[in-house]
């Protein structure tokens, strides 16, 4: 069976964006529950996307373009917060 390289590329992109989001969340010490809420996912969707990260099938909801947008926005905000906290003087 021939693999569809564009689908494989999209899967890899989505997985890498999820990893970045998780790494930023870890660095900011954000709970899994809060990470789920920021992405506006219900518990089942969060579980489905976590399974996708571990080489599971692509979840149907939210659609991939919407999920990538959500991840991009959330990751950007986390990165800005991380930079601000590094720049602020500590007491």
PDB file of N, CA and C in Angstrom:
ATOM      1  N   UNK A   1       0.840  -1.175   0.000  1.00  0.00           N
ATOM      2  CA  UNK A   1       0.000   0.000   0.000  1.00  0.00           C
ATOM      3  C   UNK A   1       0.891   1.246   0.000  1.00  0.00           C
ATOM      4  N   UNK A   2       0.559   2.205  -0.822  1.00  0.00           N
ATOM      5  CA  UNK A   2       1.305   3.456  -0.888  1.00  0.00           C
ATOM      6  C   UNK A   2       0.896   4.365   0.260  1.00  0.00           C
ATOM      7  N   UNK A   3       1.875   5.013   0.840  1.00  0.00           N
ATOM      8  CA  UNK A   3       1.574   5.975   1.905  1.00  0.00           C
ATOM      9  C   UNK A   3       1.324   7.333   1.282  1.00  0.00           C
ATOM     10  N   UNK A   4       0.400   8.054   1.861  1.00  0.00           N
ATOM     11  CA  UNK A   4       0.141   9.411   1.410  1.00  0.00           C
ATOM     12  C   UNK A   4       1.061  10.328   2.199  1.00  0.00           C
ATOM     13  N   UNK A   5       2.090  10.847   1.540  1.00  0.00           N
ATOM     14  CA  UNK A   5       3.101  11.646   2.224  1.00  0.00           C
ATOM     15  C   UNK A   5       2.557  12.956   2.773  1.00  0.00           C
ATOM     16  N   UNK A   6       1.558  13.527   2.132  1.00  0.00           N
ATOM     17  CA  UNK A   6       1.011  14.777   2.660  1.00  0.00           C
ATOM     18  C   UNK A   6       0.280  14.527   3.983  1.00  0.00           C
ATOM     19  N   UNK A   7      -0.423  13.398   4.090  1.00  0.00           N
ATOM     20  CA  UNK A   7      -1.087  13.071   5.364  1.00  0.00           C
ATOM     21  C   UNK A   7      -0.060  12.767   6.436  1.00  0.00           C
ATOM     22  N   UNK A   8       0.992  12.068   6.060  1.00  0.00           N
ATOM     23  CA  UNK A   8       2.052  11.749   7.016  1.00  0.00           C
ATOM     24  C   UNK A   8       2.730  13.029   7.499  1.00  0.00           C
ATOM     25  N   UNK A   9       2.935  13.965   6.606  1.00  0.00           N
ATOM     26  CA  UNK A   9       3.533  15.246   6.974  1.00  0.00           C
ATOM     27  C   UNK A   9       2.622  16.013   7.919  1.00  0.00           C
ATOM     28  N   UNK A  10       1.331  16.013   7.640  1.00  0.00           N
ATOM     29  CA  UNK A  10       0.381  16.711   8.520  1.00  0.00           C
ATOM     30  C   UNK A  10       0.332  16.051   9.903  1.00  0.00           C
ATOM     31  N   UNK A  11       0.367  14.732   9.945  1.00  0.00           N
ATOM     32  CA  UNK A  11       0.393  14.031  11.233  1.00  0.00           C
ATOM     33  C   UNK A  11       1.642  14.427  12.017  1.00  0.00           C
ATOM     34  N   UNK A  12       2.788  14.432  11.346  1.00  0.00           N
ATOM     35  CA  UNK A  12       4.041  14.803  12.014  1.00  0.00           C
ATOM     36  C   UNK A  12       4.002  16.235  12.507  1.00  0.00           C
ATOM     37  N   UNK A  13       3.435  17.126  11.710  1.00  0.00           N
ATOM     38  CA  UNK A  13       3.313  18.526  12.116  1.00  0.00           C
ATOM     39  C   UNK A  13       2.437  18.642  13.356  1.00  0.00           C
ATOM     40  N   UNK A  14       1.301  17.979  13.349  1.00  0.00           N
ATOM     41  CA  UNK A  14       0.389  18.045  14.493  1.00  0.00           C
ATOM     42  C   UNK A  14       1.046  17.470  15.744  1.00  0.00           C
ATOM     43  N   UNK A  15       1.733  16.356  15.594  1.00  0.00           N
ATOM     44  CA  UNK A  15       2.404  15.763  16.758  1.00  0.00           C
ATOM     45  C   UNK A  15       3.503  16.675  17.291  1.00  0.00           C
ATOM     46  N   UNK A  16       4.248  17.302  16.406  1.00  0.00           N
ATOM     47  CA  UNK A  16       5.317  18.201  16.871  1.00  0.00           C
ATOM     48  C   UNK A  16       4.731  19.425  17.572  1.00  0.00           C
ATOM     49  N   UNK A  17       3.617  19.945  17.087  1.00  0.00           N
ATOM     50  CA  UNK A  17       2.991  21.094  17.741  1.00  0.00           C
ATOM     51  C   UNK A  17       2.441  20.702  19.120  1.00  0.00           C
ATOM     52  N   UNK A  18       1.889  19.510  19.225  1.00  0.00           N
ATOM     53  CA  UNK A  18       1.416  19.023  20.521  1.00  0.00           C
ATOM     54  C   UNK A  18       2.581  18.861  21.500  1.00  0.00           C
ATOM     55  N   UNK A  19       3.714  18.357  21.006  1.00  0.00           N
ATOM     56  CA  UNK A  19       4.895  18.207  21.873  1.00  0.00           C
ATOM     57  C   UNK A  19       5.383  19.565  22.366  1.00  0.00           C
ATOM     58  N   UNK A  20       5.434  20.529  21.485  1.00  0.00           N
ATOM     59  CA  UNK A  20       5.857  21.876  21.875  1.00  0.00           C
ATOM     60  C   UNK A  20       4.920  22.436  22.932  1.00  0.00           C
ATOM     61  N   UNK A  21       3.627  22.275  22.723  1.00  0.00           N
ATOM     62  CA  UNK A  21       2.639  22.744  23.686  1.00  0.00           C
ATOM     63  C   UNK A  21       2.846  22.078  25.040  1.00  0.00           C
ATOM     64  N   UNK A  22       3.085  20.772  25.022  1.00  0.00           N
ATOM     65  CA  UNK A  22       3.311  20.051  26.278  1.00  0.00           C
ATOM     66  C   UNK A  22       4.591  20.524  26.966  1.00  0.00           C
ATOM     67  N   UNK A  23       5.651  20.732  26.201  1.00  0.00           N
ATOM     68  CA  UNK A  23       6.921  21.192  26.777  1.00  0.00           C
ATOM     69  C   UNK A  23       6.774  22.587  27.386  1.00  0.00           C
ATOM     70  N   UNK A  24       6.077  23.470  26.691  1.00  0.00           N
ATOM     71  CA  UNK A  24       5.835  24.805  27.245  1.00  0.00           C
ATOM     72  C   UNK A  24       4.974  24.733  28.495  1.00  0.00           C
ATOM     73  N   UNK A  25       3.966  23.869  28.477  1.00  0.00           N
ATOM     74  CA  UNK A  25       3.123  23.679  29.652  1.00  0.00           C
ATOM     75  C   UNK A  25       3.909  23.132  30.828  1.00  0.00           C
ATOM     76  N   UNK A  26       4.826  22.196  30.547  1.00  0.00           N
ATOM     77  CA  UNK A  26       5.680  21.661  31.605  1.00  0.00           C
ATOM     78  C   UNK A  26       6.555  22.765  32.196  1.00  0.00           C
ATOM     79  N   UNK A  27       7.157  23.554  31.316  1.00  0.00           N
ATOM     80  CA  UNK A  27       8.043  24.625  31.773  1.00  0.00           C
ATOM     81  C   UNK A  27       7.295  25.661  32.608  1.00  0.00           C
ATOM     82  N   UNK A  28       6.040  25.902  32.250  1.00  0.00           N
ATOM     83  CA  UNK A  28       5.234  26.892  32.972  1.00  0.00           C
ATOM     84  C   UNK A  28       4.489  26.268  34.151  1.00  0.00           C
ATOM     85  N   UNK A  29       4.662  24.973  34.348  1.00  0.00           N
ATOM     86  CA  UNK A  29       4.013  24.240  35.441  1.00  0.00           C
ATOM     87  C   UNK A  29       2.489  24.337  35.379  1.00  0.00           C
ATOM     88  N   UNK A  30       1.956  24.179  34.179  1.00  0.00           N
ATOM     89  CA  UNK A  30       0.506  24.230  33.975  1.00  0.00           C
ATOM     90  C   UNK A  30      -0.036  22.806  34.039  1.00  0.00           C
ATOM     91  N   UNK A  31      -1.097  22.617  34.787  1.00  0.00           N
ATOM     92  CA  UNK A  31      -1.665  21.282  34.955  1.00  0.00           C
ATOM     93  C   UNK A  31      -2.251  20.772  33.640  1.00  0.00           C
ATOM     94  N   UNK A  32      -2.363  19.455  33.544  1.00  0.00           N
ATOM     95  CA  UNK A  32      -2.984  18.839  32.366  1.00  0.00           C
ATOM     96  C   UNK A  32      -4.409  19.346  32.174  1.00  0.00           C
ATOM     97  N   UNK A  33      -5.125  19.488  33.272  1.00  0.00           N
ATOM     98  CA  UNK A  33      -6.515  19.962  33.191  1.00  0.00           C
ATOM     99  C   UNK A  33      -6.572  21.373  32.612  1.00  0.00           C
ATOM    100  N   UNK A  34      -5.685  22.250  33.049  1.00  0.00           N
ATOM    101  CA  UNK A  34      -5.662  23.608  32.515  1.00  0.00           C
ATOM    102  C   UNK A  34      -5.231  23.631  31.053  1.00  0.00           C
ATOM    103  N   UNK A  35      -4.305  22.762  30.687  1.00  0.00           N
ATOM    104  CA  UNK A  35      -3.886  22.670  29.281  1.00  0.00           C
ATOM    105  C   UNK A  35      -5.071  22.260  28.415  1.00  0.00           C
ATOM    106  N   UNK A  36      -5.849  21.313  28.911  1.00  0.00           N
ATOM    107  CA  UNK A  36      -7.034  20.852  28.185  1.00  0.00           C
ATOM    108  C   UNK A  36      -8.019  22.000  28.004  1.00  0.00           C
ATOM    109  N   UNK A  37      -8.252  22.736  29.082  1.00  0.00           N
ATOM    110  CA  UNK A  37      -9.219  23.830  29.042  1.00  0.00           C
ATOM    111  C   UNK A  37      -8.784  24.943  28.095  1.00  0.00           C
ATOM    112  N   UNK A  38      -7.495  25.258  28.087  1.00  0.00           N
ATOM    113  CA  UNK A  38      -6.994  26.310  27.197  1.00  0.00           C
ATOM    114  C   UNK A  38      -7.258  25.953  25.742  1.00  0.00           C
ATOM    115  N   UNK A  39      -7.174  24.678  25.415  1.00  0.00           N
ATOM    116  CA  UNK A  39      -7.426  24.240  24.039  1.00  0.00           C
ATOM    117  C   UNK A  39      -8.908  24.033  23.742  1.00  0.00           C
ATOM    118  N   UNK A  40      -9.753  24.291  24.748  1.00  0.00           N
ATOM    119  CA  UNK A  40     -11.207  24.152  24.597  1.00  0.00           C
ATOM    120  C   UNK A  40     -11.604  22.735  24.187  1.00  0.00           C
ATOM    121  N   UNK A  41     -10.959  21.749  24.818  1.00  0.00           N
ATOM    122  CA  UNK A  41     -11.261  20.351  24.535  1.00  0.00           C
ATOM    123  C   UNK A  41     -12.030  19.744  25.702  1.00  0.00           C
ATOM    124  N   UNK A  42     -12.992  18.880  25.377  1.00  0.00           N
ATOM    125  CA  UNK A  42     -13.617  18.135  26.467  1.00  0.00           C
ATOM    126  C   UNK A  42     -12.677  16.988  26.840  1.00  0.00           C
ATOM    127  N   UNK A  43     -12.997  16.272  27.876  1.00  0.00           N
ATOM    128  CA  UNK A  43     -12.085  15.229  28.367  1.00  0.00           C
ATOM    129  C   UNK A  43     -11.829  14.130  27.332  1.00  0.00           C
ATOM    130  N   UNK A  44     -12.867  13.746  26.601  1.00  0.00           N
ATOM    131  CA  UNK A  44     -12.685  12.704  25.583  1.00  0.00           C
ATOM    132  C   UNK A  44     -11.789  13.193  24.448  1.00  0.00           C
ATOM    133  N   UNK A  45     -11.993  14.424  24.009  1.00  0.00           N
ATOM    134  CA  UNK A  45     -11.140  14.975  22.957  1.00  0.00           C
ATOM    135  C   UNK A  45      -9.686  15.032  23.427  1.00  0.00           C
ATOM    136  N   UNK A  46      -9.473  15.463  24.687  1.00  0.00           N
ATOM    137  CA  UNK A  46      -8.123  15.529  25.244  1.00  0.00           C
ATOM    138  C   UNK A  46      -7.480  14.135  25.224  1.00  0.00           C
ATOM    139  N   UNK A  47      -8.253  13.122  25.622  1.00  0.00           N
ATOM    140  CA  UNK A  47      -7.760  11.744  25.612  1.00  0.00           C
ATOM    141  C   UNK A  47      -7.439  11.288  24.196  1.00  0.00           C
ATOM    142  N   UNK A  48      -8.320  11.617  23.253  1.00  0.00           N
ATOM    143  CA  UNK A  48      -8.105  11.233  21.854  1.00  0.00           C
ATOM    144  C   UNK A  48      -6.826  11.861  21.301  1.00  0.00           C
ATOM    145  N   UNK A  49      -6.589  13.137  21.616  1.00  0.00           N
ATOM    146  CA  UNK A  49      -5.380  13.807  21.126  1.00  0.00           C
ATOM    147  C   UNK A  49      -4.137  13.273  21.829  1.00  0.00           C
ATOM    148  N   UNK A  50      -4.251  12.898  23.089  1.00  0.00           N
ATOM    149  CA  UNK A  50      -3.115  12.292  23.796  1.00  0.00           C
ATOM    150  C   UNK A  50      -2.763  10.949  23.143  1.00  0.00           C
ATOM    151  N   UNK A  51      -3.774  10.182  22.766  1.00  0.00           N
ATOM    152  CA  UNK A  51      -3.527   8.918  22.075  1.00  0.00           C
ATOM    153  C   UNK A  51      -2.893   9.157  20.708  1.00  0.00           C
ATOM    154  N   UNK A  52      -3.319  10.200  20.031  1.00  0.00           N
ATOM    155  CA  UNK A  52      -2.726  10.566  18.743  1.00  0.00           C
ATOM    156  C   UNK A  52      -1.234  10.849  18.905  1.00  0.00           C
ATOM    157  N   UNK A  53      -0.874  11.542  20.003  1.00  0.00           N
ATOM    158  CA  UNK A  53       0.540  11.841  20.271  1.00  0.00           C
ATOM    159  C   UNK A  53       1.362  10.560  20.383  1.00  0.00           C
ATOM    160  N   UNK A  54       0.737   9.493  20.833  1.00  0.00           N
ATOM    161  CA  UNK A  54       1.423   8.207  20.997  1.00  0.00           C
ATOM    162  C   UNK A  54       1.165   7.299  19.801  1.00  0.00           C
ATOM    163  N   UNK A  55       1.157   7.901  18.610  1.00  0.00           N
ATOM    164  CA  UNK A  55       0.987   7.192  17.336  1.00  0.00           C
ATOM    165  C   UNK A  55      -0.394   6.603  17.121  1.00  0.00           C
ATOM    166  N   UNK A  56      -1.403   7.168  17.797  1.00  0.00           N
ATOM    167  CA  UNK A  56      -2.777   6.752  17.562  1.00  0.00           C
ATOM    168  C   UNK A  56      -3.341   7.439  16.324  1.00  0.00           C
ATOM    169  N   UNK A  57      -4.605   7.154  16.014  1.00  0.00           N
ATOM    170  CA  UNK A  57      -5.234   7.764  14.841  1.00  0.00           C
ATOM    171  C   UNK A  57      -5.554   9.247  15.076  1.00  0.00           C
ATOM    172  N   UNK A  58      -5.642   9.976  13.994  1.00  0.00           N
ATOM    173  CA  UNK A  58      -5.991  11.394  14.055  1.00  0.00           C
ATOM    174  C   UNK A  58      -7.432  11.534  14.540  1.00  0.00           C
ATOM    175  N   UNK A  59      -7.641  12.269  15.628  1.00  0.00           N
ATOM    176  CA  UNK A  59      -9.011  12.452  16.130  1.00  0.00           C
ATOM    177  C   UNK A  59      -9.862  13.271  15.156  1.00  0.00           C
ATOM    178  N   UNK A  60     -11.160  12.982  15.122  1.00  0.00           N
ATOM    179  CA  UNK A  60     -12.029  13.729  14.211  1.00  0.00           C
ATOM    180  C   UNK A  60     -12.375  15.126  14.712  1.00  0.00           C
ATOM    181  N   UNK A  61     -12.324  15.321  16.031  1.00  0.00           N
ATOM    182  CA  UNK A  61     -12.680  16.633  16.574  1.00  0.00           C
ATOM    183  C   UNK A  61     -11.639  17.089  17.574  1.00  0.00           C
ATOM    184  N   UNK A  62     -11.347  18.359  17.605  1.00  0.00           N
ATOM    185  CA  UNK A  62     -11.685  19.315  16.552  1.00  0.00           C
ATOM    186  C   UNK A  62     -10.923  18.989  15.274  1.00  0.00           C
ATOM    187  N   UNK A  63     -11.406  19.476  14.144  1.00  0.00           N
ATOM    188  CA  UNK A  63     -10.702  19.217  12.890  1.00  0.00           C
ATOM    189  C   UNK A  63      -9.248  19.705  12.988  1.00  0.00           C
ATOM    190  N   UNK A  64      -8.362  19.049  12.276  1.00  0.00           N
ATOM    191  CA  UNK A  64      -6.937  19.350  12.367  1.00  0.00           C
ATOM    192  C   UNK A  64      -6.607  20.835  12.172  1.00  0.00           C
ATOM    193  N   UNK A  65      -7.151  21.521  11.171  1.00  0.00           N
ATOM    194  CA  UNK A  65      -6.803  22.944  11.034  1.00  0.00           C
ATOM    195  C   UNK A  65      -7.183  23.759  12.274  1.00  0.00           C
ATOM    196  N   UNK A  66      -8.325  23.450  12.862  1.00  0.00           N
ATOM    197  CA  UNK A  66      -8.769  24.147  14.067  1.00  0.00           C
ATOM    198  C   UNK A  66      -7.850  23.823  15.238  1.00  0.00           C
ATOM    199  N   UNK A  67      -7.466  22.559  15.377  1.00  0.00           N
ATOM    200  CA  UNK A  67      -6.579  22.165  16.474  1.00  0.00           C
ATOM    201  C   UNK A  67      -5.212  22.826  16.328  1.00  0.00           C
ATOM    202  N   UNK A  68      -4.687  22.889  15.121  1.00  0.00           N
ATOM    203  CA  UNK A  68      -3.393  23.544  14.906  1.00  0.00           C
ATOM    204  C   UNK A  68      -3.470  25.026  15.252  1.00  0.00           C
ATOM    205  N   UNK A  69      -4.575  25.664  14.922  1.00  0.00           N
ATOM    206  CA  UNK A  69      -4.752  27.077  15.274  1.00  0.00           C
ATOM    207  C   UNK A  69      -4.781  27.237  16.788  1.00  0.00           C
ATOM    208  N   UNK A  70      -5.539  26.384  17.464  1.00  0.00           N
ATOM    209  CA  UNK A  70      -5.615  26.448  18.922  1.00  0.00           C
ATOM    210  C   UNK A  70      -4.238  26.233  19.552  1.00  0.00           C
ATOM    211  N   UNK A  71      -3.514  25.237  19.049  1.00  0.00           N
ATOM    212  CA  UNK A  71      -2.175  24.963  19.587  1.00  0.00           C
ATOM    213  C   UNK A  71      -1.231  26.139  19.361  1.00  0.00           C
ATOM    214  N   UNK A  72      -1.299  26.737  18.179  1.00  0.00           N
ATOM    215  CA  UNK A  72      -0.439  27.876  17.875  1.00  0.00           C
ATOM    216  C   UNK A  72      -0.703  29.055  18.799  1.00  0.00           C
ATOM    217  N   UNK A  73      -1.967  29.372  18.993  1.00  0.00           N
ATOM    218  CA  UNK A  73      -2.320  30.493  19.867  1.00  0.00           C
ATOM    219  C   UNK A  73      -1.899  30.227  21.312  1.00  0.00           C
ATOM    220  N   UNK A  74      -2.186  29.028  21.802  1.00  0.00           N
ATOM    221  CA  UNK A  74      -1.864  28.687  23.184  1.00  0.00           C
ATOM    222  C   UNK A  74      -0.352  28.625  23.394  1.00  0.00           C
ATOM    223  N   UNK A  75       0.374  28.055  22.454  1.00  0.00           N
ATOM    224  CA  UNK A  75       1.828  27.969  22.567  1.00  0.00           C
ATOM    225  C   UNK A  75       2.464  29.348  22.551  1.00  0.00           C
ATOM    226  N   UNK A  76       1.958  30.214  21.713  1.00  0.00           N
ATOM    227  CA  UNK A  76       2.478  31.577  21.662  1.00  0.00           C
ATOM    228  C   UNK A  76       2.298  32.278  23.007  1.00  0.00           C
ATOM    229  N   UNK A  77       1.107  32.158  23.568  1.00  0.00           N
ATOM    230  CA  UNK A  77       0.849  32.798  24.874  1.00  0.00           C
ATOM    231  C   UNK A  77       1.762  32.237  25.960  1.00  0.00           C
ATOM    232  N   UNK A  78       1.955  30.932  25.964  1.00  0.00           N
ATOM    233  CA  UNK A  78       2.843  30.324  26.954  1.00  0.00           C
ATOM    234  C   UNK A  78       4.285  30.796  26.770  1.00  0.00           C
ATOM    235  N   UNK A  79       4.724  30.914  25.530  1.00  0.00           N
ATOM    236  CA  UNK A  79       6.088  31.377  25.264  1.00  0.00           C
ATOM    237  C   UNK A  79       6.266  32.815  25.736  1.00  0.00           C
ATOM    238  N   UNK A  80       5.279  33.664  25.503  1.00  0.00           N
ATOM    239  CA  UNK A  80       5.359  35.061  25.956  1.00  0.00           C
ATOM    240  C   UNK A  80       5.403  35.113  27.475  1.00  0.00           C
ATOM    241  N   UNK A  81       4.550  34.331  28.128  1.00  0.00           N
ATOM    242  CA  UNK A  81       4.561  34.301  29.591  1.00  0.00           C
ATOM    243  C   UNK A  81       5.911  33.829  30.126  1.00  0.00           C
ATOM    244  N   UNK A  82       6.495  32.837  29.477  1.00  0.00           N
ATOM    245  CA  UNK A  82       7.797  32.326  29.910  1.00  0.00           C
ATOM    246  C   UNK A  82       8.869  33.400  29.770  1.00  0.00           C
ATOM    247  N   UNK A  83       8.844  34.133  28.663  1.00  0.00           N
ATOM    248  CA  UNK A  83       9.823  35.210  28.467  1.00  0.00           C
ATOM    249  C   UNK A  83       9.655  36.315  29.495  1.00  0.00           C
ATOM    250  N   UNK A  84       8.400  36.672  29.780  1.00  0.00           N
ATOM    251  CA  UNK A  84       8.141  37.711  30.762  1.00  0.00           C
ATOM    252  C   UNK A  84       8.617  37.300  32.164  1.00  0.00           C
ATOM    253  N   UNK A  85       8.386  36.042  32.494  1.00  0.00           N
ATOM    254  CA  UNK A  85       8.792  35.590  33.829  1.00  0.00           C
ATOM    255  C   UNK A  85      10.311  35.518  33.945  1.00  0.00           C
ATOM    256  N   UNK A  86      11.008  35.221  32.850  1.00  0.00           N
ATOM    257  CA  UNK A  86      12.466  35.204  32.865  1.00  0.00           C
ATOM    258  C   UNK A  86      13.035  36.618  32.962  1.00  0.00           C
ATOM    259  N   UNK A  87      12.341  37.575  32.359  1.00  0.00           N
ATOM    260  CA  UNK A  87      12.824  38.953  32.333  1.00  0.00           C
ATOM    261  C   UNK A  87      12.522  39.702  33.626  1.00  0.00           C
ATOM    262  N   UNK A  88      11.512  39.264  34.379  1.00  0.00           N
ATOM    263  CA  UNK A  88      11.141  39.992  35.575  1.00  0.00           C
ATOM    264  C   UNK A  88      12.107  39.645  36.716  1.00  0.00           C
ATOM    265  N   UNK A  89      12.475  40.660  37.518  1.00  0.00           N
ATOM    266  CA  UNK A  89      13.387  40.396  38.636  1.00  0.00           C
ATOM    267  C   UNK A  89      12.694  39.556  39.696  1.00  0.00           C
ATOM    268  N   UNK A  90      13.451  38.663  40.286  1.00  0.00           N
ATOM    269  CA  UNK A  90      12.917  37.800  41.349  1.00  0.00           C
ATOM    270  C   UNK A  90      13.334  38.363  42.700  1.00  0.00           C
ATOM    271  N   UNK A  91      12.413  38.260  43.629  1.00  0.00           N
ATOM    272  CA  UNK A  91      12.697  38.771  44.978  1.00  0.00           C
ATOM    273  C   UNK A  91      13.450  37.751  45.791  1.00  0.00           C
TER     274      UNK A  91
END
